[in-house]
Amino acid sequence: PRRSGFVLNLGARVRCLEWAPNQDDDHQYLATSTLPEIQVGASNGASAYVPRPASPASIQIWRFATDNEGRMRHDTAPLLSTVLCTDWGDAKALKWCPSSRKPIETKKTRSLSLLAGVWADGGLRVLDIAVPRKSTTTTYLRIDSVAFTAHPPNTLFTALSWLSSTRLAASTANGCVAVFSIPSALSLYLDVPLRPELYTRIATGYILALTSCYPSHPSLILTSSTDGFPRLTDLSSLRPSSHEATVLAQRSRTTVDLIAWHEFSQAAITLDESLTPKALAIRRFFTSVNLGRGKAAGTALATSPCHPSILWGTTKGDVIALNPMARIRRPKIKPVHQTWFSHEYRRATPAEISDPSNPIGVHGLSRFTDGYKVEDVVRDFHPRRAYEGEKGASGNPTVHTLYEEETAVTALSWNPNVKCGGWAAAGCGDGLVRVEDLVPG
C-alpha cells in the first residue's frame, strides 16, 4: 500500500518532537528541538544537576499539508513555518497544552496553543505560539521574556506534563514535583516570585520522566527516577508523598527515562532493562505485563490518544509498533509486533574525508530500511544459553551491542488529532526526522 511521508534534516541530534493538538484545518504543525554539542567547560559541575549557562538555541515549527480526508499531501513539501530563537539553552522537554481554547487570531497569524518547556538553564516556561497563516517563507522570532517562567530553588526542572488546560506539573532533579496554576501565576505582578500551589518530594533521586494520566485521571501522575522505581502518585491527596498516595512498581536494575500513559488500557507503558516494553495497570500497579521484546535498549516511546497502538525506538535504530490491548486483557496471548523502519548510520571513511571533490559521505551516511512484516515476539530469550549452544535456547548472543550514537531513535510522537491520528514522527541521533502517514492509502 502507498503511504505518504517526508524526511527532514535538522542538522543535530533530535531531542523533542511534539505535534500541535486541536488542528482540524488543512495544516498540521510539528514542534522540534535539537541537542547541540556541549562546549567543554560550559558547566561547573555535573550537567544533569547544574543549570547550564545561557546559550542560543531554537525551536522549529514545521507545517505539513493535509487533504480533506486527513491524509498527508505528498505533492506539497513541508515548510519550516516559524523558528523560535531563545537564549535559555536547548529545550530538554516540550509539551503542548492538550485542551482546546478560544484562540486569539488575526488576519495574518493564527494561534496554535500553549507550549510548555523545560530548558537547559533549569527553568520552566510557557509560550503562546502563533504562526503565519499563508506565508511561504520562514518567520524568525526572538523571545526575550515570557509571562510564565519558574525556577526551583537550589535545583532545576527535568520534565513536565499538563494536568489540565490551566495546571502544569514539573519534576526536579532532587526528586520533587511542583504543580503550577497558570491563571494564578499570570495574576501576580512581574516582580513577585512565582510559587507553585504544590511542591512535594515523591522520589529519592533525580526524576527522569513525568507524565499525567490525562484525560481520564488528571490528578494522577507517573514518574520514573534514578532509584529505578516507577511511581504512581495522586496529587489530590493531602500528602502526595505518603504511602497511601504514592505506589511503587517493580524496581528496574537500570534507570528508565521512558514512561507514557496509555488511555485505552488505563495503564502506564514503560521499558525495562531486558529490552521489554511492559504495561502497569493503575489498579494493579505493583505487577506488570510484558508486551514484547526489542533487539536493543529502548530510547523513545510514544502513545496516542486516538488509537491504542504504541511506538518505541531503540539504540539499534528500529521503530517498532504494537497494539497492547489483547496482551493486557489476556496475558497468555502470544504477542506480535511490526517494525515501522530501521535506521542505520556509519561514519565517514578516510577516503571520503580526504576527497574534497566528492561531498557525499563527508559527514557520514544514513539509510532507512522498511517493508517489515508482522512477526512473533521471542519471549524465552537467553543470550548466555544461546551463546553456549544449549538445546532449546533462542536469541542472538550479540543483542547487547554498542551502536553509533547517530543510529539511535531519540524521539517519537503520534499526531493527537483524530483527523490525522495515523501520522507519526521519528527523530534520530544524526538529525534526521521521518514523518509519515502510517494509514495505507
Protein backbone atom coordinates (compact mmCIF):
# COMPACT_ATOMS: atom_id res chain seq x y z
CA PRO A 1 0.00 0.00 0.00
CA ARG A 2 1.09 3.54 -0.72
CA ARG A 3 1.99 5.83 2.16
CA SER A 4 2.98 9.48 2.17
CA GLY A 5 5.89 10.85 4.13
CA PHE A 6 8.91 13.11 4.27
CA VAL A 7 12.41 13.08 5.76
CA LEU A 8 13.72 16.27 7.37
CA ASN A 9 17.32 17.05 8.30
CA LEU A 10 17.56 19.21 11.44
CA GLY A 11 21.37 19.11 11.49
CA ALA A 12 21.79 17.91 15.09
CA ARG A 13 20.59 15.19 17.45
CA VAL A 14 16.80 15.34 17.71
CA ARG A 15 15.60 15.81 21.27
CA CYS A 16 11.89 16.65 21.15
CA LEU A 17 9.07 16.07 18.68
CA GLU A 18 5.58 17.30 19.54
CA TRP A 19 2.54 17.60 17.26
CA ALA A 20 0.25 20.57 17.92
CA PRO A 21 -3.20 19.37 19.10
CA ASN A 22 -6.66 20.62 18.10
CA GLN A 23 -5.75 21.26 14.46
CA ASP A 24 -8.73 20.46 12.23
CA ASP A 25 -7.91 22.52 9.16
CA ASP A 26 -5.69 21.73 6.17
CA HIS A 27 -2.36 22.00 8.02
CA GLN A 28 -0.62 20.13 10.83
CA TYR A 29 2.26 21.56 12.88
CA LEU A 30 5.23 19.77 14.42
CA ALA A 31 7.49 21.39 17.05
CA THR A 32 11.08 20.14 17.11
CA SER A 33 14.18 20.81 19.18
CA THR A 34 17.73 19.51 18.90
CA LEU A 35 20.62 18.83 21.26
CA PRO A 36 23.72 20.78 20.24
CA GLU A 37 27.20 19.67 21.17
CA ILE A 38 28.06 20.71 24.73
CA GLN A 39 31.05 23.00 24.90
CA VAL A 40 33.93 21.91 27.09
CA GLY A 41 33.92 23.82 30.37
CA ALA A 42 30.41 25.14 29.83
CA SER A 43 29.22 23.69 33.14
CA ASN A 44 30.87 23.93 36.54
CA GLY A 45 29.57 20.56 37.73
CA ALA A 46 27.50 17.59 36.71
CA SER A 47 25.49 18.84 33.74
CA ALA A 48 22.37 16.95 34.82
CA TYR A 49 22.23 18.66 38.24
CA VAL A 50 23.61 22.12 37.47
CA PRO A 51 21.87 24.67 35.23
CA ARG A 52 23.86 25.46 32.13
CA PRO A 53 24.89 29.00 31.26
CA ALA A 54 22.81 30.98 28.80
CA SER A 55 23.39 29.87 25.22
CA PRO A 56 21.50 30.42 21.96
CA ALA A 57 19.07 27.72 20.83
CA SER A 58 15.91 27.43 18.79
CA ILE A 59 12.62 25.58 18.41
CA GLN A 60 11.50 24.81 14.88
CA ILE A 61 7.82 24.54 13.94
CA TRP A 62 7.19 22.67 10.69
CA ARG A 63 3.95 22.84 8.70
CA PHE A 64 2.53 19.85 6.79
CA ALA A 65 -0.35 19.99 4.32
CA THR A 66 -3.34 17.63 4.53
CA ASP A 67 -6.25 16.80 2.27
CA ASN A 68 -9.94 16.68 3.18
CA GLU A 69 -9.66 13.10 4.50
CA GLY A 70 -6.70 13.76 6.78
CA ARG A 71 -4.04 12.20 4.56
CA MET A 72 -0.63 13.77 4.13
CA ARG A 73 -0.26 15.56 0.81
CA HIS A 74 2.87 14.19 -0.84
CA ASP A 75 2.72 16.85 -3.58
CA THR A 76 3.30 19.68 -1.07
CA ALA A 77 6.66 19.82 0.66
CA PRO A 78 6.73 20.61 4.40
CA LEU A 79 7.52 24.20 5.28
CA LEU A 80 9.63 25.48 8.15
CA SER A 81 6.96 27.89 9.33
CA THR A 82 8.47 29.50 12.43
CA VAL A 83 11.77 29.41 14.29
CA LEU A 84 11.67 30.50 17.95
CA CYS A 85 15.09 31.83 18.96
CA THR A 86 16.00 31.94 22.66
CA ASP A 87 18.99 32.33 24.98
CA TRP A 88 17.91 29.74 27.56
CA GLY A 89 19.88 26.80 26.19
CA ASP A 90 18.43 23.82 24.38
CA ALA A 91 14.89 22.67 25.13
CA LYS A 92 15.00 19.45 27.20
CA ALA A 93 11.24 18.80 27.09
CA LEU A 94 8.31 20.29 25.17
CA LYS A 95 4.58 19.70 25.72
CA TRP A 96 1.60 21.31 24.01
CA CYS A 97 -1.47 22.08 26.08
CA PRO A 98 -3.89 19.26 25.17
CA SER A 99 -7.11 21.19 25.78
CA SER A 100 -8.69 23.40 23.18
CA ARG A 101 -9.26 27.08 23.91
CA LYS A 102 -10.58 30.15 22.17
CA PRO A 103 -7.65 31.34 20.05
CA ILE A 104 -6.60 34.93 19.64
CA GLU A 105 -6.18 35.22 15.88
CA THR A 106 -5.65 37.95 13.33
CA LYS A 107 -5.82 38.05 9.55
CA LYS A 108 -2.10 37.36 9.29
CA THR A 109 -1.47 34.95 12.16
CA ARG A 110 -3.21 32.02 13.82
CA SER A 111 -2.72 30.78 17.36
CA LEU A 112 -1.73 27.14 17.78
CA SER A 113 -1.74 26.52 21.52
CA LEU A 114 0.28 26.98 24.68
CA LEU A 115 3.68 25.30 24.51
CA ALA A 116 5.36 24.49 27.83
CA GLY A 117 9.01 23.55 28.01
CA VAL A 118 11.97 22.86 30.25
CA TRP A 119 15.22 24.43 29.11
CA ALA A 120 18.87 23.73 29.87
CA ASP A 121 19.07 26.66 32.29
CA GLY A 122 16.72 24.72 34.57
CA GLY A 123 13.70 26.94 34.02
CA LEU A 124 10.09 26.14 33.18
CA ARG A 125 8.33 28.41 30.70
CA VAL A 126 5.02 28.58 28.84
CA LEU A 127 4.82 30.18 25.39
CA ASP A 128 1.75 31.21 23.40
CA ILE A 129 2.61 30.12 19.88
CA ALA A 130 1.25 31.91 16.82
CA VAL A 131 2.28 31.18 13.23
CA PRO A 132 1.70 32.98 9.92
CA ARG A 133 -1.42 31.90 8.06
CA LYS A 134 -0.44 31.75 4.38
CA SER A 135 3.23 32.63 4.39
CA THR A 136 5.58 30.69 2.11
CA THR A 137 8.73 31.81 3.93
CA THR A 138 10.17 31.13 7.36
CA THR A 139 9.46 33.55 10.20
CA TYR A 140 12.21 34.02 12.79
CA LEU A 141 11.02 35.20 16.19
CA ARG A 142 13.36 36.10 19.04
CA ILE A 143 11.90 35.61 22.52
CA ASP A 144 13.50 37.59 25.35
CA SER A 145 10.87 37.20 28.08
CA VAL A 146 7.67 35.29 28.75
CA ALA A 147 4.70 35.82 31.05
CA PHE A 148 5.11 32.47 32.79
CA THR A 149 8.54 31.35 33.97
CA ALA A 150 9.65 29.46 37.07
CA HIS A 151 12.96 28.31 38.57
CA PRO A 152 13.08 25.85 41.51
CA PRO A 153 15.33 26.73 44.47
CA ASN A 154 18.75 25.04 44.53
CA THR A 155 17.87 22.61 41.74
CA LEU A 156 16.45 22.52 38.22
CA PHE A 157 13.40 21.23 36.40
CA THR A 158 13.79 17.97 34.48
CA ALA A 159 10.39 17.05 32.96
CA LEU A 160 6.84 18.36 32.72
CA SER A 161 3.27 17.38 31.91
CA TRP A 162 -0.06 19.15 31.58
CA LEU A 163 -2.70 18.21 34.16
CA SER A 164 -5.43 20.30 32.52
CA SER A 165 -5.73 23.37 30.37
CA THR A 166 -4.63 25.57 33.28
CA ARG A 167 -2.48 23.37 35.55
CA LEU A 168 1.04 22.15 34.90
CA ALA A 169 3.24 19.66 36.77
CA ALA A 170 7.04 19.67 36.62
CA SER A 171 9.65 17.42 38.23
CA THR A 172 13.03 18.42 39.63
CA ALA A 173 16.49 16.92 39.99
CA ASN A 174 16.09 16.48 43.76
CA GLY A 175 13.03 14.21 43.50
CA CYS A 176 10.30 16.83 43.97
CA VAL A 177 7.22 17.65 41.91
CA ALA A 178 5.79 21.16 41.56
CA VAL A 179 2.26 21.97 40.38
CA PHE A 180 1.53 25.42 38.94
CA SER A 181 -1.73 27.17 38.15
CA ILE A 182 -1.28 29.41 35.13
CA PRO A 183 -4.20 31.81 35.87
CA SER A 184 -2.92 32.34 39.40
CA ALA A 185 0.59 32.94 38.13
CA LEU A 186 -0.50 35.46 35.50
CA SER A 187 -2.50 37.42 38.09
CA LEU A 188 0.68 38.24 40.01
CA TYR A 189 2.92 41.21 39.41
CA LEU A 190 6.08 40.65 37.39
CA ASP A 191 8.34 41.40 40.37
CA VAL A 192 6.59 38.81 42.59
CA PRO A 193 8.34 35.40 42.61
CA LEU A 194 6.23 32.64 41.11
CA ARG A 195 5.33 29.99 43.68
CA PRO A 196 3.71 26.62 42.94
CA GLU A 197 0.45 25.62 44.57
CA LEU A 198 2.04 22.27 45.46
CA TYR A 199 5.69 21.35 45.97
CA THR A 200 6.46 17.95 47.48
CA ARG A 201 9.10 15.25 47.36
CA ILE A 202 7.95 11.90 45.94
CA ALA A 203 11.26 10.26 44.95
CA THR A 204 14.71 9.85 46.46
CA GLY A 205 16.64 10.73 43.32
CA TYR A 206 16.67 12.56 40.02
CA ILE A 207 13.26 12.31 38.31
CA LEU A 208 13.90 11.35 34.69
CA ALA A 209 10.38 11.26 33.27
CA LEU A 210 6.94 12.55 34.22
CA THR A 211 3.54 12.23 32.58
CA SER A 212 -0.03 12.67 33.74
CA CYS A 213 -2.92 10.23 33.33
CA TYR A 214 -4.87 12.88 31.42
CA PRO A 215 -7.71 12.98 30.47
CA SER A 216 -9.36 10.20 32.49
CA HIS A 217 -7.33 10.73 35.69
CA PRO A 218 -5.82 14.24 35.58
CA SER A 219 -4.84 14.16 39.26
CA LEU A 220 -2.64 11.06 38.82
CA ILE A 221 0.94 11.36 37.59
CA LEU A 222 3.51 8.76 36.56
CA THR A 223 7.19 9.29 37.29
CA SER A 224 10.44 7.41 36.80
CA SER A 225 13.60 8.28 38.72
CA THR A 226 17.19 7.16 39.12
CA ASP A 227 16.29 4.85 42.01
CA GLY A 228 14.67 2.51 39.46
CA PHE A 229 11.09 2.64 40.79
CA PRO A 230 8.21 3.75 38.54
CA ARG A 231 5.72 5.64 40.69
CA LEU A 232 2.02 6.42 40.53
CA THR A 233 1.12 9.48 42.62
CA ASP A 234 -2.24 11.02 43.46
CA LEU A 235 -1.80 14.79 43.59
CA SER A 236 -5.28 15.30 45.03
CA SER A 237 -4.16 13.73 48.31
CA LEU A 238 -3.27 15.96 51.24
CA ARG A 239 0.11 14.20 51.42
CA PRO A 240 1.14 13.07 47.90
CA SER A 241 4.39 11.61 49.23
CA SER A 242 2.63 9.26 51.67
CA HIS A 243 2.32 5.53 51.09
CA GLU A 244 -1.42 5.93 50.57
CA ALA A 245 -0.93 8.41 47.71
CA THR A 246 2.24 7.08 46.02
CA VAL A 247 2.51 3.50 44.77
CA LEU A 248 5.74 1.87 43.61
CA ALA A 249 6.05 -0.67 40.81
CA GLN A 250 8.72 -3.33 40.39
CA ARG A 251 12.21 -1.90 40.50
CA SER A 252 14.36 -1.86 37.40
CA ARG A 253 18.06 -2.62 37.69
CA THR A 254 18.89 0.27 35.38
CA THR A 255 17.48 3.77 35.18
CA VAL A 256 14.48 4.09 32.89
CA ASP A 257 13.70 7.52 31.47
CA LEU A 258 10.68 6.43 29.40
CA ILE A 259 7.14 6.24 30.73
CA ALA A 260 3.85 7.04 28.98
CA TRP A 261 0.15 6.90 29.77
CA HIS A 262 -2.00 4.55 27.66
CA GLU A 263 -5.56 5.82 27.83
CA PHE A 264 -7.27 2.83 26.17
CA SER A 265 -5.91 0.21 28.58
CA GLN A 266 -5.72 2.52 31.63
CA ALA A 267 -2.10 1.53 32.13
CA ALA A 268 1.37 3.01 32.17
CA ILE A 269 3.75 1.88 29.43
CA THR A 270 7.46 1.73 30.22
CA LEU A 271 10.62 -0.10 29.17
CA ASP A 272 12.86 -2.17 31.43
CA GLU A 273 16.47 -3.32 31.28
CA SER A 274 15.58 -6.58 29.49
CA LEU A 275 14.59 -4.70 26.31
CA THR A 276 10.93 -5.36 27.12
CA PRO A 277 8.05 -2.86 26.98
CA LYS A 278 5.63 -3.56 29.80
CA ALA A 279 2.26 -2.31 30.99
CA LEU A 280 1.46 -1.27 34.56
CA ALA A 281 -2.30 -1.10 35.13
CA ILE A 282 -3.25 1.62 37.60
CA ARG A 283 -5.43 -0.82 39.59
CA ARG A 284 -2.57 -3.34 39.80
CA PHE A 285 0.43 -1.06 39.57
CA PHE A 286 2.65 -3.43 41.54
CA THR A 287 2.50 -6.05 38.74
CA SER A 288 3.44 -5.78 35.08
CA VAL A 289 2.54 -7.42 31.78
CA ASN A 290 5.28 -7.88 29.19
CA LEU A 291 4.15 -6.64 25.79
CA GLY A 292 7.03 -7.66 23.54
CA ARG A 293 10.77 -7.58 23.19
CA GLY A 294 13.16 -5.41 21.24
CA LYS A 295 16.62 -6.14 19.92
CA ALA A 296 18.33 -3.24 21.68
CA ALA A 297 17.84 -0.81 24.54
CA GLY A 298 14.82 1.49 24.28
CA THR A 299 15.42 5.19 23.70
CA ALA A 300 11.99 6.60 22.76
CA LEU A 301 8.34 5.81 23.45
CA ALA A 302 5.04 7.22 22.18
CA THR A 303 1.34 6.56 22.77
CA SER A 304 -1.65 8.11 21.03
CA PRO A 305 -4.98 9.47 22.32
CA CYS A 306 -6.63 8.43 19.04
CA HIS A 307 -5.84 4.70 18.89
CA PRO A 308 -4.22 2.03 21.11
CA SER A 309 -1.07 1.43 19.04
CA ILE A 310 2.26 2.38 20.61
CA LEU A 311 5.69 3.04 19.14
CA TRP A 312 9.07 2.53 20.71
CA GLY A 313 12.55 3.20 19.34
CA THR A 314 15.88 1.58 20.15
CA THR A 315 19.59 2.28 20.01
CA LYS A 316 19.74 -0.06 17.01
CA GLY A 317 17.63 2.38 15.02
CA ASP A 318 14.45 0.29 14.97
CA VAL A 319 10.99 1.78 15.46
CA ILE A 320 8.56 -0.95 16.49
CA ALA A 321 4.76 -0.74 16.62
CA LEU A 322 2.38 -2.93 18.57
CA ASN A 323 -1.16 -2.99 19.94
CA PRO A 324 -1.05 -3.94 23.65
CA MET A 325 -4.80 -4.33 24.22
CA ALA A 326 -5.10 -8.08 23.68
CA ARG A 327 -1.95 -8.80 25.65
CA ILE A 328 -3.09 -6.69 28.63
CA ARG A 329 -6.54 -8.30 28.74
CA ARG A 330 -5.23 -11.85 28.26
CA PRO A 331 -1.53 -12.11 29.22
CA LYS A 332 -1.25 -15.65 27.81
CA ILE A 333 -1.81 -14.45 24.25
CA LYS A 334 1.32 -14.65 22.12
CA PRO A 335 2.48 -11.08 21.42
CA VAL A 336 3.24 -9.81 17.92
CA HIS A 337 4.74 -6.57 16.67
CA GLN A 338 5.85 -4.93 13.44
CA THR A 339 8.90 -2.79 12.68
CA TRP A 340 8.00 0.51 11.04
CA PHE A 341 11.54 1.13 9.79
CA SER A 342 15.17 0.62 10.74
CA HIS A 343 17.67 3.47 10.66
CA GLU A 344 21.41 2.94 10.27
CA TYR A 345 24.33 5.38 10.31
CA ARG A 346 28.01 4.93 9.52
CA ARG A 347 30.91 7.31 9.91
CA ALA A 348 32.78 8.84 7.02
CA THR A 349 35.72 6.84 5.73
CA PRO A 350 39.22 8.38 5.46
CA ALA A 351 38.89 8.35 1.68
CA GLU A 352 35.65 10.33 1.81
CA ILE A 353 37.12 12.88 4.20
CA SER A 354 40.27 13.42 2.12
CA ASP A 355 38.43 13.82 -1.20
CA PRO A 356 37.18 17.43 -1.44
CA SER A 357 35.66 16.89 -4.89
CA ASN A 358 33.05 14.43 -3.55
CA PRO A 359 30.86 15.99 -0.83
CA ILE A 360 28.80 12.80 -0.44
CA GLY A 361 29.70 10.95 2.72
CA VAL A 362 31.90 13.63 4.29
CA HIS A 363 29.64 13.72 7.36
CA GLY A 364 28.76 10.03 7.24
CA LEU A 365 25.92 8.18 5.55
CA SER A 366 22.48 7.14 6.79
CA ARG A 367 19.91 4.78 5.38
CA PHE A 368 16.36 3.65 6.12
CA THR A 369 15.02 0.16 5.53
CA ASP A 370 11.33 -0.65 5.78
CA GLY A 371 8.76 -3.12 4.50
CA TYR A 372 8.93 -5.39 7.54
CA LYS A 373 6.21 -7.96 8.17
CA VAL A 374 4.37 -8.66 11.39
CA GLU A 375 6.46 -11.05 13.48
CA ASP A 376 6.05 -13.09 16.62
CA VAL A 377 7.86 -11.91 19.72
CA VAL A 378 10.55 -14.21 21.11
CA ARG A 379 9.88 -14.29 24.85
CA ASP A 380 12.18 -17.11 26.03
CA PHE A 381 15.30 -15.10 25.33
CA HIS A 382 18.53 -16.27 26.98
CA PRO A 383 21.67 -14.71 25.44
CA ARG A 384 24.08 -16.80 27.52
CA ARG A 385 22.34 -20.10 26.75
CA ALA A 386 22.12 -19.25 23.07
CA TYR A 387 25.82 -18.39 23.00
CA GLU A 388 26.74 -21.69 24.67
CA GLY A 389 24.54 -23.61 22.21
CA GLU A 390 22.13 -25.13 24.70
CA LYS A 391 19.26 -27.02 23.16
CA GLY A 392 16.01 -25.08 23.01
CA ALA A 393 17.64 -21.70 23.69
CA SER A 394 16.63 -18.88 21.37
CA GLY A 395 18.10 -15.47 20.79
CA ASN A 396 21.13 -13.69 19.48
CA PRO A 397 24.22 -13.52 21.71
CA THR A 398 25.14 -10.11 20.24
CA VAL A 399 21.91 -8.43 21.29
CA HIS A 400 23.61 -6.12 23.81
CA THR A 401 25.58 -4.24 21.19
CA LEU A 402 27.09 -0.77 21.14
CA TYR A 403 25.84 1.17 18.13
CA GLU A 404 26.82 4.50 16.68
CA GLU A 405 25.27 7.33 18.67
CA GLU A 406 23.73 8.75 15.49
CA THR A 407 21.93 5.47 14.75
CA ALA A 408 19.59 5.63 17.76
CA VAL A 409 15.98 6.76 17.54
CA THR A 410 15.84 9.62 20.02
CA ALA A 411 12.27 10.98 19.77
CA LEU A 412 8.83 9.67 18.75
CA SER A 413 5.43 11.31 18.52
CA TRP A 414 1.93 10.35 17.36
CA ASN A 415 -0.33 13.04 15.95
CA PRO A 416 -3.04 13.69 18.61
CA ASN A 417 -5.64 14.98 16.13
CA VAL A 418 -8.31 12.43 15.20
CA LYS A 419 -8.32 13.52 11.57
CA CYS A 420 -4.60 12.75 11.26
CA GLY A 421 -4.25 10.19 14.06
CA GLY A 422 -2.21 7.84 11.87
CA TRP A 423 0.63 10.33 11.39
CA ALA A 424 3.85 9.56 13.23
CA ALA A 425 7.18 11.35 13.53
CA ALA A 426 10.51 9.77 14.49
CA GLY A 427 13.77 11.62 15.15
CA CYS A 428 17.25 10.10 15.05
CA GLY A 429 20.64 10.88 16.51
CA ASP A 430 22.03 12.14 13.21
CA GLY A 431 19.37 14.85 12.92
CA LEU A 432 17.01 13.09 10.50
CA VAL A 433 13.27 13.21 11.19
CA ARG A 434 10.97 10.80 9.39
CA VAL A 435 7.34 11.94 9.20
CA GLU A 436 4.88 9.51 7.68
CA ASP A 437 1.19 8.78 7.41
CA LEU A 438 1.03 5.15 8.51
CA VAL A 439 -2.56 4.67 7.36
CA PRO A 440 -2.45 2.85 3.99
CA GLY A 441 -3.82 4.93 1.14
